């Protein structure tokens, strides 16, 4: 089993930055695909970014491309999401996810593709 704990959320003004972290325990996740998703009130859980397997390829939702950066530190068993130029529409609960699947495709863009989830951290961007 893998446990994921997110941190780093908070309240920030539009244009500001936040850095979210996700620490994994129970098993090393260096060979896992790690993803970030977000869910605003009354909406579906949406894909934000993923870092694929251990190769480090990164994928982003169009809405965050150029503003957010996902990275991993295998030595610390963590994945981070640096969020810059934040907008009010980025307000949501942000979730970290992990999955050990080793095959290709675009499953990492879907919440159903991940076996492990954190509890989420709130990000609020004021205008």
Foldseek 3Di string as FASTA:
>chain_A
DKAKAKDWADEEAAQAKIKMKIAIDDDQQLQKKKFKWWDAPPDDIFGAKIQHGNPRDIDGDPVQPPFKDWDDDRVRSMIMIIGGRDDQVVWTWMKMFIDNDDDDDDLRRDPVSGDYIYPTDTHGYHD
